[in-house]
Amino acid sequence: MKNNDSENDIMIPVYRFTNEIEAQVLSQVLDEEGIPYRVRSFRDSAYNGIYQMQKGWGQLESHEKFRKKIENLAKIVLTNNNINEP
């Protein structure tokens, strides 16, 4: 991704993951759909995972124009497969 100030290049938080499996499943779906995204883990080895326990595993970031589609895909894929449940 280019680093410039174009509105099209700005990625915003779209979905917060509770675990790594969610991130893998949704990433695979977005790859298949051709939707650009970035996964950020909240893991910080300096704090031994404490921040992750408070904020969740991480988040998915993408462009605003893909927000609704990603939210719908996450709802369908992660809920139907019971990925969110322990």
N, C-alpha and C. Protein backbone atom coordinates (compact mmCIF):
# COMPACT_ATOMS: atom_id res chain seq x y z
N MET A 1 0.84 -1.19 0.00
CA MET A 1 0.00 0.00 0.00
C MET A 1 0.87 1.24 0.00
N LYS A 2 0.50 2.21 -0.78
CA LYS A 2 1.25 3.46 -0.84
C LYS A 2 1.03 4.27 0.43
N ASN A 3 2.05 5.02 0.80
CA ASN A 3 1.92 5.91 1.95
C ASN A 3 1.78 7.34 1.47
N ASN A 4 0.56 7.75 1.16
CA ASN A 4 0.30 9.15 0.87
C ASN A 4 -1.00 9.55 1.53
N ASP A 5 -1.39 10.79 1.39
CA ASP A 5 -2.54 11.29 2.12
C ASP A 5 -3.84 11.18 1.34
N SER A 6 -3.84 10.43 0.26
CA SER A 6 -5.06 10.24 -0.53
C SER A 6 -6.14 9.59 0.33
N GLU A 7 -7.36 10.08 0.19
CA GLU A 7 -8.47 9.52 0.97
C GLU A 7 -8.65 8.03 0.70
N ASN A 8 -8.34 7.59 -0.52
CA ASN A 8 -8.49 6.18 -0.88
C ASN A 8 -7.51 5.28 -0.17
N ASP A 9 -6.41 5.82 0.35
CA ASP A 9 -5.39 5.00 0.99
C ASP A 9 -5.57 4.93 2.51
N ILE A 10 -6.51 5.68 3.06
CA ILE A 10 -6.70 5.70 4.50
C ILE A 10 -7.50 4.47 4.92
N MET A 11 -6.93 3.71 5.84
CA MET A 11 -7.62 2.54 6.36
C MET A 11 -8.13 2.85 7.76
N ILE A 12 -9.35 2.39 8.02
CA ILE A 12 -9.99 2.64 9.31
C ILE A 12 -10.29 1.30 9.99
N PRO A 13 -10.41 1.28 11.32
CA PRO A 13 -10.81 0.05 12.01
C PRO A 13 -12.23 -0.33 11.60
N VAL A 14 -12.40 -1.61 11.21
CA VAL A 14 -13.69 -2.08 10.75
C VAL A 14 -14.24 -3.19 11.65
N TYR A 15 -13.35 -4.04 12.14
CA TYR A 15 -13.81 -5.19 12.94
C TYR A 15 -12.77 -5.50 14.00
N ARG A 16 -13.24 -5.81 15.21
CA ARG A 16 -12.33 -6.19 16.29
C ARG A 16 -12.41 -7.70 16.50
N PHE A 17 -11.26 -8.37 16.44
CA PHE A 17 -11.19 -9.82 16.61
C PHE A 17 -11.06 -10.19 18.08
N THR A 18 -11.70 -11.29 18.46
CA THR A 18 -11.54 -11.80 19.82
C THR A 18 -10.45 -12.87 19.88
N ASN A 19 -10.09 -13.43 18.70
CA ASN A 19 -9.04 -14.45 18.69
C ASN A 19 -8.42 -14.55 17.29
N GLU A 20 -7.32 -15.29 17.22
CA GLU A 20 -6.57 -15.41 15.97
C GLU A 20 -7.34 -16.20 14.91
N ILE A 21 -8.17 -17.14 15.33
CA ILE A 21 -8.95 -17.94 14.38
C ILE A 21 -9.90 -17.04 13.60
N GLU A 22 -10.57 -16.12 14.29
CA GLU A 22 -11.43 -15.16 13.60
C GLU A 22 -10.65 -14.41 12.54
N ALA A 23 -9.46 -13.96 12.89
CA ALA A 23 -8.64 -13.19 11.94
C ALA A 23 -8.30 -14.04 10.72
N GLN A 24 -7.96 -15.28 10.92
CA GLN A 24 -7.60 -16.16 9.80
C GLN A 24 -8.80 -16.43 8.90
N VAL A 25 -9.94 -16.73 9.51
CA VAL A 25 -11.15 -17.05 8.73
C VAL A 25 -11.59 -15.84 7.91
N LEU A 26 -11.71 -14.68 8.55
CA LEU A 26 -12.17 -13.50 7.84
C LEU A 26 -11.15 -13.05 6.79
N SER A 27 -9.86 -13.18 7.08
CA SER A 27 -8.83 -12.84 6.10
C SER A 27 -8.96 -13.68 4.84
N GLN A 28 -9.22 -14.96 5.01
CA GLN A 28 -9.38 -15.85 3.86
C GLN A 28 -10.57 -15.43 3.00
N VAL A 29 -11.67 -15.08 3.65
CA VAL A 29 -12.87 -14.64 2.92
C VAL A 29 -12.59 -13.34 2.17
N LEU A 30 -11.93 -12.41 2.82
CA LEU A 30 -11.63 -11.12 2.18
C LEU A 30 -10.66 -11.30 1.01
N ASP A 31 -9.70 -12.21 1.15
CA ASP A 31 -8.80 -12.52 0.03
C ASP A 31 -9.59 -13.04 -1.16
N GLU A 32 -10.53 -13.96 -0.89
CA GLU A 32 -11.35 -14.54 -1.96
C GLU A 32 -12.23 -13.48 -2.62
N GLU A 33 -12.67 -12.50 -1.85
CA GLU A 33 -13.52 -11.42 -2.37
C GLU A 33 -12.71 -10.30 -3.02
N GLY A 34 -11.40 -10.31 -2.85
CA GLY A 34 -10.55 -9.27 -3.41
C GLY A 34 -10.65 -7.94 -2.69
N ILE A 35 -11.00 -7.99 -1.42
CA ILE A 35 -11.15 -6.76 -0.62
C ILE A 35 -9.83 -6.46 0.09
N PRO A 36 -9.29 -5.25 -0.10
CA PRO A 36 -8.04 -4.88 0.58
C PRO A 36 -8.27 -4.68 2.08
N TYR A 37 -7.32 -5.14 2.87
CA TYR A 37 -7.45 -5.04 4.33
C TYR A 37 -6.08 -5.17 4.97
N ARG A 38 -6.05 -4.88 6.27
CA ARG A 38 -4.83 -5.07 7.07
C ARG A 38 -5.29 -5.62 8.42
N VAL A 39 -4.60 -6.64 8.93
CA VAL A 39 -4.89 -7.19 10.25
C VAL A 39 -3.81 -6.70 11.20
N ARG A 40 -4.25 -6.09 12.30
CA ARG A 40 -3.32 -5.63 13.34
C ARG A 40 -3.56 -6.44 14.60
N SER A 41 -2.54 -7.10 15.07
CA SER A 41 -2.62 -7.81 16.34
C SER A 41 -2.30 -6.83 17.46
N PHE A 42 -2.98 -6.97 18.58
CA PHE A 42 -2.69 -6.14 19.74
C PHE A 42 -1.65 -6.78 20.65
N ARG A 43 -1.07 -7.87 20.20
CA ARG A 43 -0.06 -8.58 21.00
C ARG A 43 1.18 -7.71 21.15
N ASP A 44 1.65 -7.59 22.37
CA ASP A 44 2.88 -6.86 22.66
C ASP A 44 3.67 -7.70 23.65
N SER A 45 4.76 -8.26 23.19
CA SER A 45 5.54 -9.16 24.04
C SER A 45 6.08 -8.46 25.30
N ALA A 46 6.24 -7.15 25.23
CA ALA A 46 6.73 -6.42 26.40
C ALA A 46 5.74 -6.48 27.57
N TYR A 47 4.46 -6.62 27.23
CA TYR A 47 3.43 -6.67 28.27
C TYR A 47 2.85 -8.06 28.45
N ASN A 48 3.44 -9.05 27.80
CA ASN A 48 3.05 -10.45 27.95
C ASN A 48 1.56 -10.70 27.69
N GLY A 49 0.99 -10.01 26.71
CA GLY A 49 -0.38 -10.26 26.31
C GLY A 49 -1.45 -9.57 27.13
N ILE A 50 -1.07 -8.76 28.11
CA ILE A 50 -2.07 -8.10 28.96
C ILE A 50 -2.96 -7.17 28.15
N TYR A 51 -2.36 -6.41 27.24
CA TYR A 51 -3.15 -5.48 26.42
C TYR A 51 -4.15 -6.25 25.57
N GLN A 52 -3.76 -7.41 25.06
CA GLN A 52 -4.64 -8.23 24.24
C GLN A 52 -5.84 -8.72 25.05
N MET A 53 -5.63 -9.03 26.30
CA MET A 53 -6.73 -9.50 27.14
C MET A 53 -7.75 -8.39 27.36
N GLN A 54 -7.31 -7.15 27.37
CA GLN A 54 -8.21 -6.01 27.60
C GLN A 54 -8.89 -5.55 26.32
N LYS A 55 -8.17 -5.52 25.23
CA LYS A 55 -8.67 -4.92 23.99
C LYS A 55 -9.12 -5.93 22.93
N GLY A 56 -8.89 -7.21 23.15
CA GLY A 56 -9.19 -8.21 22.13
C GLY A 56 -7.93 -8.61 21.40
N TRP A 57 -8.04 -9.61 20.55
CA TRP A 57 -6.87 -10.14 19.87
C TRP A 57 -6.25 -9.12 18.93
N GLY A 58 -7.10 -8.40 18.20
CA GLY A 58 -6.61 -7.43 17.23
C GLY A 58 -7.76 -6.83 16.45
N GLN A 59 -7.44 -6.16 15.36
CA GLN A 59 -8.49 -5.55 14.56
C GLN A 59 -8.19 -5.64 13.08
N LEU A 60 -9.26 -5.57 12.31
CA LEU A 60 -9.15 -5.54 10.86
C LEU A 60 -9.37 -4.11 10.42
N GLU A 61 -8.53 -3.64 9.54
CA GLU A 61 -8.65 -2.28 9.01
C GLU A 61 -8.83 -2.36 7.50
N SER A 62 -9.64 -1.48 6.97
CA SER A 62 -9.85 -1.42 5.53
C SER A 62 -10.33 -0.02 5.17
N HIS A 63 -10.65 0.17 3.92
CA HIS A 63 -11.15 1.46 3.45
C HIS A 63 -12.63 1.59 3.79
N GLU A 64 -13.05 2.80 4.04
CA GLU A 64 -14.45 3.08 4.43
C GLU A 64 -15.44 2.47 3.44
N LYS A 65 -15.13 2.50 2.15
CA LYS A 65 -16.09 2.02 1.16
C LYS A 65 -16.36 0.51 1.28
N PHE A 66 -15.49 -0.22 1.97
CA PHE A 66 -15.69 -1.66 2.15
C PHE A 66 -16.28 -2.02 3.51
N ARG A 67 -16.51 -1.03 4.36
CA ARG A 67 -16.95 -1.27 5.73
C ARG A 67 -18.21 -2.15 5.80
N LYS A 68 -19.26 -1.77 5.12
CA LYS A 68 -20.53 -2.52 5.21
C LYS A 68 -20.37 -3.94 4.69
N LYS A 69 -19.67 -4.11 3.59
CA LYS A 69 -19.49 -5.45 3.03
C LYS A 69 -18.70 -6.33 4.01
N ILE A 70 -17.66 -5.78 4.61
CA ILE A 70 -16.85 -6.55 5.57
C ILE A 70 -17.69 -6.89 6.80
N GLU A 71 -18.45 -5.93 7.30
CA GLU A 71 -19.30 -6.20 8.47
C GLU A 71 -20.30 -7.31 8.17
N ASN A 72 -20.90 -7.27 6.98
CA ASN A 72 -21.85 -8.32 6.59
C ASN A 72 -21.17 -9.68 6.46
N LEU A 73 -20.00 -9.70 5.81
CA LEU A 73 -19.27 -10.96 5.66
C LEU A 73 -18.86 -11.52 7.03
N ALA A 74 -18.41 -10.65 7.91
CA ALA A 74 -18.00 -11.10 9.25
C ALA A 74 -19.19 -11.69 9.98
N LYS A 75 -20.33 -11.04 9.88
CA LYS A 75 -21.53 -11.54 10.56
C LYS A 75 -21.92 -12.92 10.02
N ILE A 76 -21.89 -13.08 8.72
CA ILE A 76 -22.28 -14.35 8.11
C ILE A 76 -21.26 -15.44 8.42
N VAL A 77 -20.01 -15.17 8.16
CA VAL A 77 -18.98 -16.20 8.27
C VAL A 77 -18.65 -16.55 9.72
N LEU A 78 -18.45 -15.56 10.57
CA LEU A 78 -18.02 -15.84 11.93
C LEU A 78 -19.17 -16.31 12.82
N THR A 79 -20.36 -15.80 12.59
CA THR A 79 -21.50 -16.22 13.40
C THR A 79 -21.97 -17.62 13.01
N ASN A 80 -22.06 -17.88 11.70
CA ASN A 80 -22.54 -19.18 11.24
C ASN A 80 -21.61 -20.32 11.58
N ASN A 81 -20.34 -20.02 11.72
CA ASN A 81 -19.37 -21.07 12.05
C ASN A 81 -19.05 -21.12 13.53
N ASN A 82 -19.75 -20.32 14.33
CA ASN A 82 -19.55 -20.28 15.78
C ASN A 82 -18.10 -19.98 16.15
N ILE A 83 -17.44 -19.16 15.36
CA ILE A 83 -16.05 -18.80 15.61
C ILE A 83 -15.94 -17.95 16.87
N ASN A 84 -16.95 -17.15 17.15
CA ASN A 84 -16.91 -16.26 18.31
C ASN A 84 -17.12 -16.96 19.63
N GLU A 85 -17.65 -18.16 19.59
CA GLU A 85 -17.96 -18.86 20.84
C GLU A 85 -16.82 -19.78 21.25
N PRO A 86 -16.56 -19.87 22.57
CA PRO A 86 -15.45 -20.74 23.04
C PRO A 86 -15.76 -22.20 22.85
